[in-house]
Amino acid sequence: MTDVIKTADREGVRIITIDNAPVNAISAAVRSGLLKATQDAIADPKVKGIV
């Protein structure tokens, strides 16, 4: 996963955070990282929700 996307799991919820300082611009790296993080969360049976 790219460095501009951070993920954490809390009680069945996958939290996906954009960390692309200074303004969290939606770059190509952010878009691809969000796609991968979302696909990974959907594929994980322990994840019941995504934020």
PDB file of N, CA and C in Angstrom:
ATOM      1  N   MET A   1       0.844  -1.166   0.000  1.00  0.00           N
ATOM      2  CA  MET A   1       0.000   0.000   0.000  1.00  0.00           C
ATOM      3  C   MET A   1       0.895   1.236   0.000  1.00  0.00           C
ATOM      4  N   THR A   2       0.398   2.316  -0.536  1.00  0.00           N
ATOM      5  CA  THR A   2       1.197   3.533  -0.597  1.00  0.00           C
ATOM      6  C   THR A   2       1.334   4.153   0.783  1.00  0.00           C
ATOM      7  N   ASP A   3       2.339   4.993   0.941  1.00  0.00           N
ATOM      8  CA  ASP A   3       2.572   5.659   2.219  1.00  0.00           C
ATOM      9  C   ASP A   3       1.533   6.734   2.522  1.00  0.00           C
ATOM     10  N   VAL A   4       0.780   7.167   1.525  1.00  0.00           N
ATOM     11  CA  VAL A   4      -0.186   8.240   1.743  1.00  0.00           C
ATOM     12  C   VAL A   4      -1.525   7.731   2.272  1.00  0.00           C
ATOM     13  N   ILE A   5      -1.686   6.426   2.358  1.00  0.00           N
ATOM     14  CA  ILE A   5      -2.909   5.826   2.893  1.00  0.00           C
ATOM     15  C   ILE A   5      -2.547   4.988   4.115  1.00  0.00           C
ATOM     16  N   LYS A   6      -3.218   5.256   5.215  1.00  0.00           N
ATOM     17  CA  LYS A   6      -3.022   4.499   6.453  1.00  0.00           C
ATOM     18  C   LYS A   6      -4.313   3.743   6.753  1.00  0.00           C
ATOM     19  N   THR A   7      -4.175   2.540   7.307  1.00  0.00           N
ATOM     20  CA  THR A   7      -5.361   1.780   7.699  1.00  0.00           C
ATOM     21  C   THR A   7      -5.209   1.283   9.132  1.00  0.00           C
ATOM     22  N   ALA A   8      -6.353   1.116   9.771  1.00  0.00           N
ATOM     23  CA  ALA A   8      -6.393   0.552  11.117  1.00  0.00           C
ATOM     24  C   ALA A   8      -7.718  -0.188  11.264  1.00  0.00           C
ATOM     25  N   ASP A   9      -7.725  -1.232  12.070  1.00  0.00           N
ATOM     26  CA  ASP A   9      -8.946  -1.988  12.350  1.00  0.00           C
ATOM     27  C   ASP A   9      -9.327  -1.788  13.808  1.00  0.00           C
ATOM     28  N   ARG A  10     -10.616  -1.479  14.020  1.00  0.00           N
ATOM     29  CA  ARG A  10     -11.126  -1.329  15.378  1.00  0.00           C
ATOM     30  C   ARG A  10     -12.511  -1.964  15.451  1.00  0.00           C
ATOM     31  N   GLU A  11     -12.605  -3.044  16.198  1.00  0.00           N
ATOM     32  CA  GLU A  11     -13.882  -3.719  16.454  1.00  0.00           C
ATOM     33  C   GLU A  11     -14.649  -4.006  15.167  1.00  0.00           C
ATOM     34  N   GLY A  12     -13.958  -4.551  14.172  1.00  0.00           N
ATOM     35  CA  GLY A  12     -14.606  -4.934  12.927  1.00  0.00           C
ATOM     36  C   GLY A  12     -14.776  -3.816  11.917  1.00  0.00           C
ATOM     37  N   VAL A  13     -14.256  -2.634  12.229  1.00  0.00           N
ATOM     38  CA  VAL A  13     -14.358  -1.494  11.323  1.00  0.00           C
ATOM     39  C   VAL A  13     -12.971  -1.156  10.796  1.00  0.00           C
ATOM     40  N   ARG A  14     -12.824  -1.108   9.485  1.00  0.00           N
ATOM     41  CA  ARG A  14     -11.559  -0.704   8.859  1.00  0.00           C
ATOM     42  C   ARG A  14     -11.591   0.812   8.677  1.00  0.00           C
ATOM     43  N   ILE A  15     -10.634   1.492   9.270  1.00  0.00           N
ATOM     44  CA  ILE A  15     -10.515   2.941   9.157  1.00  0.00           C
ATOM     45  C   ILE A  15      -9.428   3.231   8.127  1.00  0.00           C
ATOM     46  N   ILE A  16      -9.792   3.934   7.060  1.00  0.00           N
ATOM     47  CA  ILE A  16      -8.858   4.287   5.992  1.00  0.00           C
ATOM     48  C   ILE A  16      -8.637   5.795   6.057  1.00  0.00           C
ATOM     49  N   THR A  17      -7.376   6.198   6.207  1.00  0.00           N
ATOM     50  CA  THR A  17      -7.032   7.607   6.377  1.00  0.00           C
ATOM     51  C   THR A  17      -6.096   8.065   5.273  1.00  0.00           C
ATOM     52  N   ILE A  18      -6.403   9.230   4.682  1.00  0.00           N
ATOM     53  CA  ILE A  18      -5.496   9.858   3.718  1.00  0.00           C
ATOM     54  C   ILE A  18      -4.487  10.680   4.502  1.00  0.00           C
ATOM     55  N   ASP A  19      -3.204  10.460   4.227  1.00  0.00           N
ATOM     56  CA  ASP A  19      -2.128  11.196   4.901  1.00  0.00           C
ATOM     57  C   ASP A  19      -1.166  11.714   3.832  1.00  0.00           C
ATOM     58  N   ASN A  20      -1.634  12.700   3.069  1.00  0.00           N
ATOM     59  CA  ASN A  20      -0.873  13.261   1.957  1.00  0.00           C
ATOM     60  C   ASN A  20      -0.678  14.754   2.208  1.00  0.00           C
ATOM     61  N   ALA A  21       0.187  15.055   3.172  1.00  0.00           N
ATOM     62  CA  ALA A  21       0.429  16.449   3.572  1.00  0.00           C
ATOM     63  C   ALA A  21       0.951  17.266   2.397  1.00  0.00           C
ATOM     64  N   PRO A  22       0.736  18.550   2.398  1.00  0.00           N
ATOM     65  CA  PRO A  22       0.122  19.329   3.473  1.00  0.00           C
ATOM     66  C   PRO A  22      -1.389  19.480   3.361  1.00  0.00           C
ATOM     67  N   VAL A  23      -1.989  19.139   2.224  1.00  0.00           N
ATOM     68  CA  VAL A  23      -3.422  19.407   2.062  1.00  0.00           C
ATOM     69  C   VAL A  23      -4.248  18.173   1.693  1.00  0.00           C
ATOM     70  N   ASN A  24      -3.656  16.993   1.737  1.00  0.00           N
ATOM     71  CA  ASN A  24      -4.345  15.749   1.383  1.00  0.00           C
ATOM     72  C   ASN A  24      -4.916  15.772  -0.036  1.00  0.00           C
ATOM     73  N   ALA A  25      -4.126  16.304  -0.967  1.00  0.00           N
ATOM     74  CA  ALA A  25      -4.538  16.352  -2.371  1.00  0.00           C
ATOM     75  C   ALA A  25      -4.780  14.935  -2.888  1.00  0.00           C
ATOM     76  N   ILE A  26      -5.761  14.813  -3.767  1.00  0.00           N
ATOM     77  CA  ILE A  26      -6.117  13.504  -4.323  1.00  0.00           C
ATOM     78  C   ILE A  26      -5.226  13.228  -5.541  1.00  0.00           C
ATOM     79  N   SER A  27      -4.044  12.749  -5.267  1.00  0.00           N
ATOM     80  CA  SER A  27      -3.065  12.426  -6.310  1.00  0.00           C
ATOM     81  C   SER A  27      -3.317  11.016  -6.837  1.00  0.00           C
ATOM     82  N   ALA A  28      -2.553  10.625  -7.843  1.00  0.00           N
ATOM     83  CA  ALA A  28      -2.654   9.258  -8.369  1.00  0.00           C
ATOM     84  C   ALA A  28      -2.321   8.242  -7.282  1.00  0.00           C
ATOM     85  N   ALA A  29      -1.334   8.546  -6.449  1.00  0.00           N
ATOM     86  CA  ALA A  29      -0.957   7.633  -5.364  1.00  0.00           C
ATOM     87  C   ALA A  29      -2.096   7.481  -4.356  1.00  0.00           C
ATOM     88  N   VAL A  30      -2.789   8.573  -4.065  1.00  0.00           N
ATOM     89  CA  VAL A  30      -3.920   8.511  -3.135  1.00  0.00           C
ATOM     90  C   VAL A  30      -5.046   7.679  -3.746  1.00  0.00           C
ATOM     91  N   ARG A  31      -5.367   7.917  -4.995  1.00  0.00           N
ATOM     92  CA  ARG A  31      -6.439   7.159  -5.647  1.00  0.00           C
ATOM     93  C   ARG A  31      -6.136   5.667  -5.671  1.00  0.00           C
ATOM     94  N   SER A  32      -4.918   5.304  -6.060  1.00  0.00           N
ATOM     95  CA  SER A  32      -4.586   3.875  -6.111  1.00  0.00           C
ATOM     96  C   SER A  32      -4.539   3.273  -4.708  1.00  0.00           C
ATOM     97  N   GLY A  33      -4.055   4.039  -3.732  1.00  0.00           N
ATOM     98  CA  GLY A  33      -4.023   3.556  -2.356  1.00  0.00           C
ATOM     99  C   GLY A  33      -5.414   3.352  -1.780  1.00  0.00           C
ATOM    100  N   LEU A  34      -6.325   4.289  -2.072  1.00  0.00           N
ATOM    101  CA  LEU A  34      -7.709   4.140  -1.611  1.00  0.00           C
ATOM    102  C   LEU A  34      -8.375   2.926  -2.245  1.00  0.00           C
ATOM    103  N   LEU A  35      -8.132   2.719  -3.525  1.00  0.00           N
ATOM    104  CA  LEU A  35      -8.704   1.557  -4.205  1.00  0.00           C
ATOM    105  C   LEU A  35      -8.206   0.267  -3.567  1.00  0.00           C
ATOM    106  N   LYS A  36      -6.904   0.164  -3.359  1.00  0.00           N
ATOM    107  CA  LYS A  36      -6.333  -1.049  -2.766  1.00  0.00           C
ATOM    108  C   LYS A  36      -6.842  -1.252  -1.340  1.00  0.00           C
ATOM    109  N   ALA A  37      -6.859  -0.191  -0.543  1.00  0.00           N
ATOM    110  CA  ALA A  37      -7.321  -0.307   0.843  1.00  0.00           C
ATOM    111  C   ALA A  37      -8.783  -0.745   0.898  1.00  0.00           C
ATOM    112  N   THR A  38      -9.601  -0.209  -0.002  1.00  0.00           N
ATOM    113  CA  THR A  38     -11.014  -0.580  -0.047  1.00  0.00           C
ATOM    114  C   THR A  38     -11.187  -2.032  -0.486  1.00  0.00           C
ATOM    115  N   GLN A  39     -10.458  -2.436  -1.512  1.00  0.00           N
ATOM    116  CA  GLN A  39     -10.530  -3.826  -1.975  1.00  0.00           C
ATOM    117  C   GLN A  39     -10.074  -4.793  -0.883  1.00  0.00           C
ATOM    118  N   ASP A  40      -9.006  -4.436  -0.181  1.00  0.00           N
ATOM    119  CA  ASP A  40      -8.520  -5.285   0.911  1.00  0.00           C
ATOM    120  C   ASP A  40      -9.569  -5.408   2.013  1.00  0.00           C
ATOM    121  N   ALA A  41     -10.229  -4.301   2.348  1.00  0.00           N
ATOM    122  CA  ALA A  41     -11.251  -4.325   3.397  1.00  0.00           C
ATOM    123  C   ALA A  41     -12.437  -5.192   2.985  1.00  0.00           C
ATOM    124  N   ILE A  42     -12.865  -5.067   1.736  1.00  0.00           N
ATOM    125  CA  ILE A  42     -13.993  -5.860   1.244  1.00  0.00           C
ATOM    126  C   ILE A  42     -13.662  -7.350   1.267  1.00  0.00           C
ATOM    127  N   ALA A  43     -12.426  -7.686   0.972  1.00  0.00           N
ATOM    128  CA  ALA A  43     -12.012  -9.094   0.918  1.00  0.00           C
ATOM    129  C   ALA A  43     -11.799  -9.713   2.299  1.00  0.00           C
ATOM    130  N   ASP A  44     -11.704  -8.901   3.337  1.00  0.00           N
ATOM    131  CA  ASP A  44     -11.431  -9.394   4.686  1.00  0.00           C
ATOM    132  C   ASP A  44     -12.746  -9.707   5.395  1.00  0.00           C
ATOM    133  N   PRO A  45     -13.024 -10.969   5.696  1.00  0.00           N
ATOM    134  CA  PRO A  45     -14.297 -11.323   6.322  1.00  0.00           C
ATOM    135  C   PRO A  45     -14.471 -10.764   7.738  1.00  0.00           C
ATOM    136  N   LYS A  46     -13.398 -10.347   8.370  1.00  0.00           N
ATOM    137  CA  LYS A  46     -13.494  -9.774   9.720  1.00  0.00           C
ATOM    138  C   LYS A  46     -13.965  -8.323   9.693  1.00  0.00           C
ATOM    139  N   VAL A  47     -13.863  -7.676   8.540  1.00  0.00           N
ATOM    140  CA  VAL A  47     -14.248  -6.267   8.422  1.00  0.00           C
ATOM    141  C   VAL A  47     -15.747  -6.186   8.149  1.00  0.00           C
ATOM    142  N   LYS A  48     -16.464  -5.508   9.033  1.00  0.00           N
ATOM    143  CA  LYS A  48     -17.915  -5.366   8.909  1.00  0.00           C
ATOM    144  C   LYS A  48     -18.320  -3.986   8.417  1.00  0.00           C
ATOM    145  N   GLY A  49     -17.395  -3.024   8.446  1.00  0.00           N
ATOM    146  CA  GLY A  49     -17.685  -1.668   7.985  1.00  0.00           C
ATOM    147  C   GLY A  49     -16.401  -0.958   7.610  1.00  0.00           C
ATOM    148  N   ILE A  50     -16.537   0.083   6.802  1.00  0.00           N
ATOM    149  CA  ILE A  50     -15.380   0.864   6.352  1.00  0.00           C
ATOM    150  C   ILE A  50     -15.669   2.336   6.599  1.00  0.00           C
ATOM    151  N   VAL A  51     -14.699   3.019   7.210  1.00  0.00           N
ATOM    152  CA  VAL A  51     -14.797   4.466   7.439  1.00  0.00           C
ATOM    153  C   VAL A  51     -13.607   5.100   6.777  1.00  0.00           C
TER     154      VAL A  51
END
